[in-house]
N, C-alpha and C. Protein backbone atom coordinates (compact mmCIF):
# COMPACT_ATOMS: atom_id res chain seq x y z
N MET A 1 -147.22 85.81 -129.87
CA MET A 1 -147.09 86.58 -131.02
C MET A 1 -146.87 88.19 -130.75
N VAL A 2 -145.88 88.77 -131.07
CA VAL A 2 -145.52 89.98 -130.81
C VAL A 2 -146.44 90.93 -131.94
N LYS A 3 -147.13 91.92 -131.43
CA LYS A 3 -147.78 92.52 -132.42
C LYS A 3 -146.88 94.13 -132.72
N LYS A 4 -146.81 94.31 -133.90
CA LYS A 4 -146.02 95.62 -134.21
C LYS A 4 -146.85 96.64 -134.48
N GLU A 5 -146.28 97.81 -134.01
CA GLU A 5 -147.14 99.29 -134.33
C GLU A 5 -147.18 99.47 -135.53
N PRO A 6 -148.10 99.96 -136.23
CA PRO A 6 -148.20 100.44 -137.59
C PRO A 6 -147.37 101.71 -137.79
N VAL A 7 -146.62 101.64 -138.87
CA VAL A 7 -146.11 103.12 -139.16
C VAL A 7 -146.79 104.07 -139.82
N LEU A 8 -146.82 105.09 -139.34
CA LEU A 8 -147.60 106.33 -139.61
C LEU A 8 -147.06 106.92 -141.04
N VAL A 9 -147.65 106.33 -142.01
CA VAL A 9 -146.94 106.75 -143.32
C VAL A 9 -147.04 108.35 -143.49
N PRO A 10 -148.04 108.95 -143.06
CA PRO A 10 -148.08 110.38 -143.51
C PRO A 10 -147.10 111.50 -142.85
N ASP A 11 -146.35 110.58 -141.74
CA ASP A 11 -145.14 111.32 -141.15
C ASP A 11 -144.11 111.11 -141.82
N HIS A 12 -143.87 110.27 -143.09
CA HIS A 12 -142.67 110.14 -143.90
C HIS A 12 -142.43 111.22 -144.47
N VAL A 13 -141.03 111.45 -144.72
CA VAL A 13 -140.47 112.62 -145.29
C VAL A 13 -140.98 112.66 -146.88
N TYR A 14 -140.97 111.41 -147.50
CA TYR A 14 -141.36 111.36 -148.81
C TYR A 14 -142.86 111.26 -149.27
N VAL A 15 -143.71 111.36 -148.31
CA VAL A 15 -145.23 111.24 -148.33
C VAL A 15 -145.69 112.90 -148.33
N PRO A 16 -146.14 113.28 -149.53
CA PRO A 16 -146.58 114.51 -149.66
C PRO A 16 -148.07 114.67 -148.60
N ARG A 17 -148.23 115.94 -148.43
CA ARG A 17 -149.24 116.41 -147.62
C ARG A 17 -150.77 115.99 -148.15
N HIS A 18 -151.51 115.30 -147.34
CA HIS A 18 -152.86 114.93 -147.84
C HIS A 18 -153.88 115.71 -147.16
N GLU A 19 -154.91 116.11 -147.33
CA GLU A 19 -156.08 116.71 -146.62
C GLU A 19 -157.54 116.37 -147.40
N ILE A 20 -158.25 116.26 -146.46
CA ILE A 20 -159.69 116.16 -147.06
C ILE A 20 -160.25 117.54 -147.54
N VAL A 21 -160.92 117.72 -148.56
CA VAL A 21 -161.57 118.71 -149.16
C VAL A 21 -162.85 118.95 -148.70
N THR A 22 -163.21 120.21 -148.34
CA THR A 22 -164.77 120.40 -147.97
C THR A 22 -165.56 120.17 -149.16
N LYS A 23 -166.87 120.00 -148.92
CA LYS A 23 -167.71 119.97 -150.02
C LYS A 23 -167.95 121.46 -150.97
N GLU A 24 -167.61 122.44 -150.21
CA GLU A 24 -167.49 123.63 -151.01
C GLU A 24 -166.34 123.82 -151.86
N GLU A 25 -165.56 123.35 -151.25
CA GLU A 25 -164.05 123.41 -152.28
C GLU A 25 -164.18 122.39 -153.42
N ALA A 26 -164.71 121.14 -152.83
CA ALA A 26 -164.91 120.18 -154.04
C ALA A 26 -165.67 120.70 -155.19
N GLU A 27 -166.69 121.32 -154.96
CA GLU A 27 -167.81 122.18 -155.90
C GLU A 27 -166.91 122.94 -156.67
N GLU A 28 -165.93 123.73 -155.93
CA GLU A 28 -165.07 124.77 -156.81
C GLU A 28 -164.15 123.97 -157.78
N VAL A 29 -163.37 122.70 -157.18
CA VAL A 29 -162.64 122.09 -158.08
C VAL A 29 -163.44 121.48 -159.11
N ILE A 30 -164.61 121.03 -159.15
CA ILE A 30 -165.45 120.42 -160.28
C ILE A 30 -165.51 121.63 -161.18
N ARG A 31 -165.92 122.76 -160.72
CA ARG A 31 -166.37 124.00 -161.76
C ARG A 31 -164.80 124.60 -162.42
N LYS A 32 -163.68 124.30 -161.80
CA LYS A 32 -162.53 124.70 -162.21
C LYS A 32 -162.24 123.76 -163.36
N TYR A 33 -162.07 122.57 -163.17
CA TYR A 33 -161.68 121.77 -164.15
C TYR A 33 -162.84 121.01 -165.14
N ASN A 34 -164.17 121.68 -164.79
CA ASN A 34 -165.30 121.10 -165.63
C ASN A 34 -165.40 119.53 -166.02
N CYS A 35 -165.41 119.02 -164.64
CA CYS A 35 -165.57 117.50 -164.63
C CYS A 35 -166.33 117.04 -163.53
N ARG A 36 -166.67 115.75 -163.28
CA ARG A 36 -167.39 115.16 -162.20
C ARG A 36 -166.22 114.56 -161.27
N LEU A 37 -166.80 114.53 -160.15
CA LEU A 37 -165.72 113.82 -158.86
C LEU A 37 -165.19 112.48 -159.50
N THR A 38 -166.07 111.78 -160.12
CA THR A 38 -165.78 110.27 -160.41
C THR A 38 -164.63 110.39 -161.64
N GLU A 39 -164.75 111.41 -162.17
CA GLU A 39 -163.73 111.60 -163.47
C GLU A 39 -162.34 111.99 -163.06
N LEU A 40 -162.07 112.31 -161.75
CA LEU A 40 -160.86 112.58 -161.23
C LEU A 40 -160.00 111.22 -160.83
N PRO A 41 -158.76 111.28 -160.58
CA PRO A 41 -158.05 110.06 -160.32
C PRO A 41 -158.45 109.50 -159.13
N LEU A 42 -158.32 108.23 -158.82
CA LEU A 42 -158.90 107.46 -157.72
C LEU A 42 -157.81 107.20 -156.51
N ILE A 43 -158.40 107.10 -155.41
CA ILE A 43 -157.51 106.63 -154.28
C ILE A 43 -158.24 105.77 -153.41
N PHE A 44 -158.03 104.65 -152.88
CA PHE A 44 -158.38 103.76 -152.08
C PHE A 44 -158.56 104.42 -150.66
N ALA A 45 -159.75 104.22 -150.08
CA ALA A 45 -160.03 104.63 -148.75
C ALA A 45 -158.84 103.92 -147.73
N SER A 46 -158.42 102.58 -148.13
CA SER A 46 -157.45 102.00 -147.39
C SER A 46 -156.10 102.30 -147.61
N ASP A 47 -155.89 103.30 -148.60
CA ASP A 47 -154.48 103.89 -148.82
C ASP A 47 -153.63 104.09 -147.57
N PRO A 48 -152.55 103.79 -147.32
CA PRO A 48 -151.99 104.11 -146.18
C PRO A 48 -151.56 105.72 -145.90
N ALA A 49 -151.52 106.43 -147.08
CA ALA A 49 -151.21 107.82 -146.81
C ALA A 49 -152.48 108.44 -146.41
N ILE A 50 -153.61 107.95 -146.30
CA ILE A 50 -154.90 108.60 -145.80
C ILE A 50 -155.72 108.19 -144.89
N VAL A 51 -155.30 106.76 -144.70
CA VAL A 51 -156.19 106.03 -143.56
C VAL A 51 -156.24 106.89 -142.13
N GLY A 52 -155.20 107.61 -141.89
CA GLY A 52 -155.33 108.30 -140.52
C GLY A 52 -156.17 109.64 -140.68
N LEU A 53 -156.65 109.99 -141.94
CA LEU A 53 -157.31 111.20 -142.02
C LEU A 53 -158.85 110.80 -141.68
N GLY A 54 -159.25 109.50 -141.79
CA GLY A 54 -160.70 109.50 -141.56
C GLY A 54 -161.58 109.65 -142.53
N VAL A 55 -161.03 109.45 -143.78
CA VAL A 55 -161.75 109.41 -145.06
C VAL A 55 -162.88 108.47 -145.13
N LYS A 56 -163.68 108.83 -146.05
CA LYS A 56 -164.64 107.75 -146.44
C LYS A 56 -164.93 107.97 -147.86
N PRO A 57 -165.48 106.89 -148.56
CA PRO A 57 -165.69 106.89 -149.95
C PRO A 57 -166.55 108.01 -150.33
N GLY A 58 -166.30 108.59 -151.21
CA GLY A 58 -166.90 110.05 -151.89
C GLY A 58 -166.61 111.29 -151.45
N ASP A 59 -165.30 111.27 -150.58
CA ASP A 59 -164.68 112.44 -150.08
C ASP A 59 -163.53 112.65 -151.22
N LEU A 60 -163.02 113.95 -151.29
CA LEU A 60 -162.15 114.43 -152.17
C LEU A 60 -160.79 114.80 -151.40
N VAL A 61 -159.66 114.22 -151.87
CA VAL A 61 -158.30 114.58 -151.17
C VAL A 61 -157.58 115.23 -151.97
N ARG A 62 -157.10 116.46 -151.22
CA ARG A 62 -156.11 117.30 -152.05
C ARG A 62 -154.74 116.94 -151.56
N ILE A 63 -153.85 116.66 -152.69
CA ILE A 63 -152.31 116.17 -152.25
C ILE A 63 -151.51 117.41 -152.77
N THR A 64 -150.63 117.84 -151.90
CA THR A 64 -149.87 118.66 -151.99
C THR A 64 -148.25 118.39 -152.15
N ARG A 65 -147.60 118.50 -153.29
CA ARG A 65 -146.44 117.82 -153.67
C ARG A 65 -145.46 119.04 -153.80
N LYS A 66 -144.12 118.85 -153.30
CA LYS A 66 -143.09 119.62 -153.64
C LYS A 66 -142.58 119.34 -155.03
N SER A 67 -142.43 120.34 -155.79
CA SER A 67 -141.95 120.24 -157.18
C SER A 67 -140.74 121.05 -157.38
N SER A 68 -139.61 120.66 -158.13
CA SER A 68 -138.37 121.18 -158.40
C SER A 68 -138.59 122.33 -159.40
N THR A 69 -139.69 122.14 -160.26
CA THR A 69 -139.86 122.93 -161.24
C THR A 69 -141.01 124.17 -160.84
N ALA A 70 -141.93 123.70 -160.27
CA ALA A 70 -143.23 124.36 -159.78
C ALA A 70 -143.22 124.86 -158.54
N GLY A 71 -142.37 124.62 -157.66
CA GLY A 71 -142.34 124.83 -156.16
C GLY A 71 -143.25 124.08 -155.54
N GLU A 72 -144.43 123.84 -155.99
CA GLU A 72 -145.74 123.07 -155.20
C GLU A 72 -146.80 122.89 -156.10
N SER A 73 -147.19 121.53 -156.39
CA SER A 73 -148.31 121.24 -157.14
C SER A 73 -149.51 120.54 -156.34
N VAL A 74 -150.61 121.02 -156.71
CA VAL A 74 -151.67 120.43 -156.09
C VAL A 74 -152.36 119.57 -157.15
N TYR A 75 -152.81 118.52 -156.30
CA TYR A 75 -153.27 117.16 -157.16
C TYR A 75 -154.62 116.63 -156.32
N TYR A 76 -155.64 116.35 -157.06
CA TYR A 76 -156.70 115.85 -156.30
C TYR A 76 -157.12 114.65 -156.66
N ARG A 77 -157.51 113.48 -155.58
CA ARG A 77 -157.98 112.32 -155.70
C ARG A 77 -159.39 111.89 -155.27
N TYR A 78 -160.22 111.37 -155.98
CA TYR A 78 -161.57 110.87 -155.40
C TYR A 78 -161.53 109.54 -154.51
N VAL A 79 -161.85 109.55 -153.32
CA VAL A 79 -161.92 108.31 -152.43
C VAL A 79 -162.81 107.32 -152.85
N VAL A 80 -162.32 106.12 -153.07
CA VAL A 80 -163.35 105.11 -153.39
C VAL A 80 -162.90 103.71 -152.34
N GLU A 81 -163.87 102.86 -152.21
CA GLU A 81 -163.50 101.76 -151.50
C GLU A 81 -162.89 100.52 -152.43
N VAL A 82 -162.25 99.95 -151.91
CA VAL A 82 -161.55 98.60 -152.66
C VAL A 82 -162.68 97.90 -153.35
């Protein structure tokens, strides 16, 4: 059986930049949006876009997307297990 090398999804042109947010930055996000981390949109720890970042459940991920109207938009997701 031939093993295929996994495709590194984060290197693809259509995948926006994903970064792990520090605990201090996460607290700032909570204050800014007046919410709890668990109230933010979720992302699975096994998501191909973040699996190479070394994320673990409980982390917060910042997604920076290019936008034709805003130039750049920032989106946050809370990492959960499947």
